[in-house]
Amino acid sequence: MAFPTAVNSQITDSVTQSNLQVLGIAPAVAMGSLYQATAQALANAAHNATMAQQQMYVAAQAATTAGVALLYSLNTGTTAAATIKILR
């Protein structure tokens, strides 16, 4: 023992061991935090991609429905007859 203290040497040894344990597990805790953050980021990216794909399908279906409705609303025979009358 280098310096005599009023504290029991078992107490100082215990505190020293606790500090060493904290320093020893710090890299593992840091890697655990990194893995957790990476997993969260990847999960968010996958969720965002899924939501974007669903929204794209809704927009595509709406555009298709509007296009088909427009095609069905055109009366080609009447349009052709009117065009012929205009051009004569």
N, C-alpha and C. Protein backbone atom coordinates (compact mmCIF):
# COMPACT_ATOMS: atom_id res chain seq x y z
N MET A 1 0.85 -1.17 0.00
CA MET A 1 0.00 0.00 0.00
C MET A 1 0.90 1.24 0.00
N ALA A 2 0.65 2.14 -0.96
CA ALA A 2 1.52 3.30 -1.13
C ALA A 2 1.29 4.35 -0.06
N PHE A 3 0.01 4.69 0.17
CA PHE A 3 -0.29 5.73 1.15
C PHE A 3 -1.27 5.18 2.16
N PRO A 4 -0.96 5.35 3.41
CA PRO A 4 -1.92 4.91 4.42
C PRO A 4 -3.14 5.84 4.42
N THR A 5 -4.34 5.25 4.46
CA THR A 5 -5.56 6.04 4.45
C THR A 5 -6.43 5.64 5.63
N ALA A 6 -7.43 6.49 5.89
CA ALA A 6 -8.36 6.19 6.96
C ALA A 6 -9.45 5.23 6.49
N VAL A 7 -9.48 4.96 5.17
CA VAL A 7 -10.49 4.08 4.60
C VAL A 7 -9.92 2.66 4.55
N ASN A 8 -10.76 1.71 4.84
CA ASN A 8 -10.35 0.31 4.81
C ASN A 8 -9.86 -0.03 3.40
N SER A 9 -8.78 -0.79 3.29
CA SER A 9 -8.22 -1.14 1.99
C SER A 9 -9.17 -1.99 1.16
N GLN A 10 -10.05 -2.73 1.82
CA GLN A 10 -11.03 -3.51 1.06
C GLN A 10 -12.01 -2.59 0.32
N ILE A 11 -12.33 -1.48 0.93
CA ILE A 11 -13.24 -0.51 0.29
C ILE A 11 -12.56 0.09 -0.93
N THR A 12 -11.32 0.52 -0.77
CA THR A 12 -10.64 1.13 -1.91
C THR A 12 -10.44 0.12 -3.03
N ASP A 13 -10.16 -1.14 -2.67
CA ASP A 13 -10.02 -2.18 -3.70
C ASP A 13 -11.35 -2.40 -4.41
N SER A 14 -12.44 -2.37 -3.67
CA SER A 14 -13.76 -2.56 -4.27
C SER A 14 -14.09 -1.44 -5.25
N VAL A 15 -13.80 -0.20 -4.86
CA VAL A 15 -14.06 0.94 -5.73
C VAL A 15 -13.18 0.85 -6.97
N THR A 16 -11.94 0.48 -6.79
CA THR A 16 -11.03 0.34 -7.93
C THR A 16 -11.53 -0.73 -8.89
N GLN A 17 -11.98 -1.85 -8.37
CA GLN A 17 -12.49 -2.93 -9.22
C GLN A 17 -13.75 -2.49 -9.96
N SER A 18 -14.62 -1.72 -9.28
CA SER A 18 -15.83 -1.21 -9.95
C SER A 18 -15.47 -0.29 -11.10
N ASN A 19 -14.48 0.57 -10.86
CA ASN A 19 -14.05 1.48 -11.93
C ASN A 19 -13.44 0.70 -13.09
N LEU A 20 -12.68 -0.33 -12.78
CA LEU A 20 -12.10 -1.14 -13.84
C LEU A 20 -13.18 -1.89 -14.63
N GLN A 21 -14.22 -2.32 -13.94
CA GLN A 21 -15.31 -3.01 -14.63
C GLN A 21 -16.00 -2.06 -15.60
N VAL A 22 -16.23 -0.83 -15.15
CA VAL A 22 -16.87 0.16 -16.03
C VAL A 22 -16.01 0.40 -17.25
N LEU A 23 -14.70 0.55 -17.06
CA LEU A 23 -13.81 0.76 -18.19
C LEU A 23 -13.74 -0.48 -19.08
N GLY A 24 -13.85 -1.65 -18.50
CA GLY A 24 -13.76 -2.88 -19.26
C GLY A 24 -14.97 -3.13 -20.15
N ILE A 25 -16.15 -2.77 -19.67
CA ILE A 25 -17.35 -3.03 -20.47
C ILE A 25 -17.72 -1.87 -21.38
N ALA A 26 -17.01 -0.76 -21.29
CA ALA A 26 -17.34 0.41 -22.11
C ALA A 26 -17.34 0.10 -23.61
N PRO A 27 -16.34 -0.61 -24.15
CA PRO A 27 -16.40 -0.91 -25.59
C PRO A 27 -17.61 -1.76 -25.97
N ALA A 28 -17.96 -2.72 -25.13
CA ALA A 28 -19.12 -3.56 -25.43
C ALA A 28 -20.41 -2.75 -25.41
N VAL A 29 -20.53 -1.85 -24.45
CA VAL A 29 -21.72 -0.99 -24.38
C VAL A 29 -21.78 -0.07 -25.59
N ALA A 30 -20.63 0.46 -25.99
CA ALA A 30 -20.59 1.34 -27.16
C ALA A 30 -21.01 0.59 -28.42
N MET A 31 -20.51 -0.63 -28.59
CA MET A 31 -20.90 -1.41 -29.77
C MET A 31 -22.38 -1.78 -29.72
N GLY A 32 -22.87 -2.10 -28.54
CA GLY A 32 -24.29 -2.39 -28.41
C GLY A 32 -25.15 -1.20 -28.80
N SER A 33 -24.73 -0.02 -28.38
CA SER A 33 -25.47 1.19 -28.75
C SER A 33 -25.40 1.44 -30.25
N LEU A 34 -24.23 1.20 -30.83
CA LEU A 34 -24.09 1.38 -32.28
C LEU A 34 -24.99 0.41 -33.04
N TYR A 35 -25.00 -0.86 -32.62
CA TYR A 35 -25.85 -1.85 -33.29
C TYR A 35 -27.33 -1.49 -33.15
N GLN A 36 -27.71 -1.01 -31.98
CA GLN A 36 -29.11 -0.64 -31.77
C GLN A 36 -29.50 0.54 -32.64
N ALA A 37 -28.63 1.54 -32.72
CA ALA A 37 -28.91 2.71 -33.55
C ALA A 37 -28.98 2.33 -35.03
N THR A 38 -28.07 1.45 -35.45
CA THR A 38 -28.08 1.00 -36.85
C THR A 38 -29.35 0.22 -37.17
N ALA A 39 -29.75 -0.65 -36.25
CA ALA A 39 -30.97 -1.43 -36.46
C ALA A 39 -32.19 -0.51 -36.55
N GLN A 40 -32.22 0.50 -35.70
CA GLN A 40 -33.35 1.46 -35.72
C GLN A 40 -33.37 2.22 -37.04
N ALA A 41 -32.20 2.65 -37.50
CA ALA A 41 -32.14 3.39 -38.77
C ALA A 41 -32.58 2.52 -39.94
N LEU A 42 -32.15 1.28 -39.96
CA LEU A 42 -32.54 0.37 -41.05
C LEU A 42 -34.04 0.07 -41.01
N ALA A 43 -34.57 -0.09 -39.81
CA ALA A 43 -36.01 -0.33 -39.69
C ALA A 43 -36.80 0.87 -40.19
N ASN A 44 -36.35 2.07 -39.86
CA ASN A 44 -37.02 3.28 -40.34
C ASN A 44 -36.94 3.38 -41.86
N ALA A 45 -35.79 3.04 -42.42
CA ALA A 45 -35.64 3.08 -43.88
C ALA A 45 -36.57 2.09 -44.56
N ALA A 46 -36.67 0.89 -44.01
CA ALA A 46 -37.56 -0.11 -44.59
C ALA A 46 -39.02 0.33 -44.48
N HIS A 47 -39.38 0.91 -43.36
CA HIS A 47 -40.75 1.38 -43.17
C HIS A 47 -41.06 2.51 -44.15
N ASN A 48 -40.13 3.43 -44.30
CA ASN A 48 -40.35 4.54 -45.23
C ASN A 48 -40.47 4.05 -46.67
N ALA A 49 -39.66 3.06 -47.04
CA ALA A 49 -39.74 2.52 -48.40
C ALA A 49 -41.09 1.84 -48.62
N THR A 50 -41.56 1.11 -47.63
CA THR A 50 -42.86 0.45 -47.75
C THR A 50 -43.98 1.47 -47.88
N MET A 51 -43.94 2.51 -47.08
CA MET A 51 -44.98 3.54 -47.15
C MET A 51 -44.94 4.27 -48.49
N ALA A 52 -43.75 4.55 -49.01
CA ALA A 52 -43.63 5.23 -50.30
C ALA A 52 -44.19 4.34 -51.42
N GLN A 53 -43.92 3.04 -51.34
CA GLN A 53 -44.43 2.12 -52.35
C GLN A 53 -45.95 2.05 -52.29
N GLN A 54 -46.51 2.01 -51.10
CA GLN A 54 -47.97 1.98 -50.97
C GLN A 54 -48.59 3.26 -51.53
N GLN A 55 -47.98 4.40 -51.24
CA GLN A 55 -48.52 5.66 -51.75
C GLN A 55 -48.41 5.72 -53.27
N MET A 56 -47.32 5.17 -53.82
CA MET A 56 -47.16 5.14 -55.27
C MET A 56 -48.26 4.29 -55.91
N TYR A 57 -48.58 3.17 -55.29
CA TYR A 57 -49.64 2.31 -55.83
C TYR A 57 -50.99 3.04 -55.81
N VAL A 58 -51.27 3.77 -54.75
CA VAL A 58 -52.52 4.52 -54.68
C VAL A 58 -52.57 5.57 -55.77
N ALA A 59 -51.46 6.30 -55.96
CA ALA A 59 -51.43 7.33 -57.00
C ALA A 59 -51.56 6.72 -58.39
N ALA A 60 -50.90 5.58 -58.62
CA ALA A 60 -50.99 4.92 -59.93
C ALA A 60 -52.40 4.43 -60.19
N GLN A 61 -53.04 3.90 -59.19
CA GLN A 61 -54.41 3.42 -59.37
C GLN A 61 -55.36 4.58 -59.66
N ALA A 62 -55.15 5.71 -58.96
CA ALA A 62 -55.99 6.88 -59.22
C ALA A 62 -55.78 7.41 -60.64
N ALA A 63 -54.53 7.44 -61.09
CA ALA A 63 -54.26 7.92 -62.44
C ALA A 63 -54.86 6.98 -63.48
N THR A 64 -54.74 5.68 -63.25
CA THR A 64 -55.32 4.71 -64.19
C THR A 64 -56.84 4.84 -64.23
N THR A 65 -57.45 4.99 -63.08
CA THR A 65 -58.91 5.14 -63.03
C THR A 65 -59.36 6.39 -63.76
N ALA A 66 -58.63 7.49 -63.55
CA ALA A 66 -58.99 8.73 -64.24
C ALA A 66 -58.81 8.59 -65.75
N GLY A 67 -57.74 7.93 -66.18
CA GLY A 67 -57.51 7.74 -67.61
C GLY A 67 -58.58 6.87 -68.26
N VAL A 68 -58.93 5.79 -67.59
CA VAL A 68 -59.97 4.90 -68.14
C VAL A 68 -61.31 5.63 -68.18
N ALA A 69 -61.61 6.39 -67.14
CA ALA A 69 -62.87 7.14 -67.14
C ALA A 69 -62.90 8.15 -68.28
N LEU A 70 -61.77 8.77 -68.54
CA LEU A 70 -61.70 9.73 -69.66
C LEU A 70 -61.91 9.01 -70.99
N LEU A 71 -61.28 7.86 -71.15
CA LEU A 71 -61.46 7.11 -72.40
C LEU A 71 -62.91 6.68 -72.58
N TYR A 72 -63.54 6.23 -71.52
CA TYR A 72 -64.93 5.81 -71.63
C TYR A 72 -65.88 6.98 -71.85
N SER A 73 -65.49 8.16 -71.44
CA SER A 73 -66.38 9.31 -71.59
C SER A 73 -66.35 9.88 -73.02
N LEU A 74 -65.33 9.52 -73.79
CA LEU A 74 -65.24 10.04 -75.16
C LEU A 74 -66.17 9.24 -76.07
N ASN A 75 -66.95 9.95 -76.81
CA ASN A 75 -67.79 9.30 -77.81
C ASN A 75 -67.12 9.51 -79.15
N THR A 76 -66.39 8.51 -79.59
CA THR A 76 -65.57 8.67 -80.79
C THR A 76 -66.39 8.88 -82.05
N GLY A 77 -67.53 8.24 -82.15
CA GLY A 77 -68.35 8.42 -83.35
C GLY A 77 -68.85 9.84 -83.48
N THR A 78 -69.31 10.41 -82.41
CA THR A 78 -69.81 11.79 -82.43
C THR A 78 -68.66 12.74 -82.70
N THR A 79 -67.51 12.48 -82.11
CA THR A 79 -66.34 13.35 -82.33
C THR A 79 -65.92 13.31 -83.79
N ALA A 80 -65.92 12.13 -84.39
CA ALA A 80 -65.54 12.02 -85.80
C ALA A 80 -66.51 12.75 -86.70
N ALA A 81 -67.80 12.62 -86.44
CA ALA A 81 -68.82 13.30 -87.27
C ALA A 81 -68.69 14.81 -87.14
N ALA A 82 -68.45 15.29 -85.91
CA ALA A 82 -68.32 16.72 -85.72
C ALA A 82 -67.06 17.26 -86.38
N THR A 83 -65.98 16.47 -86.33
CA THR A 83 -64.73 16.90 -86.95
C THR A 83 -64.89 17.00 -88.47
N ILE A 84 -65.59 16.04 -89.04
CA ILE A 84 -65.82 16.07 -90.50
C ILE A 84 -66.64 17.30 -90.89
N LYS A 85 -67.63 17.64 -90.10
CA LYS A 85 -68.47 18.82 -90.40
C LYS A 85 -67.65 20.09 -90.27
N ILE A 86 -66.73 20.12 -89.31
CA ILE A 86 -65.91 21.34 -89.14
C ILE A 86 -64.95 21.49 -90.30
N LEU A 87 -64.36 20.40 -90.74
CA LEU A 87 -63.34 20.47 -91.79
C LEU A 87 -63.94 20.68 -93.19
N ARG A 88 -65.24 20.49 -93.41
CA ARG A 88 -65.85 20.69 -94.72
C ARG A 88 -66.26 22.09 -94.95
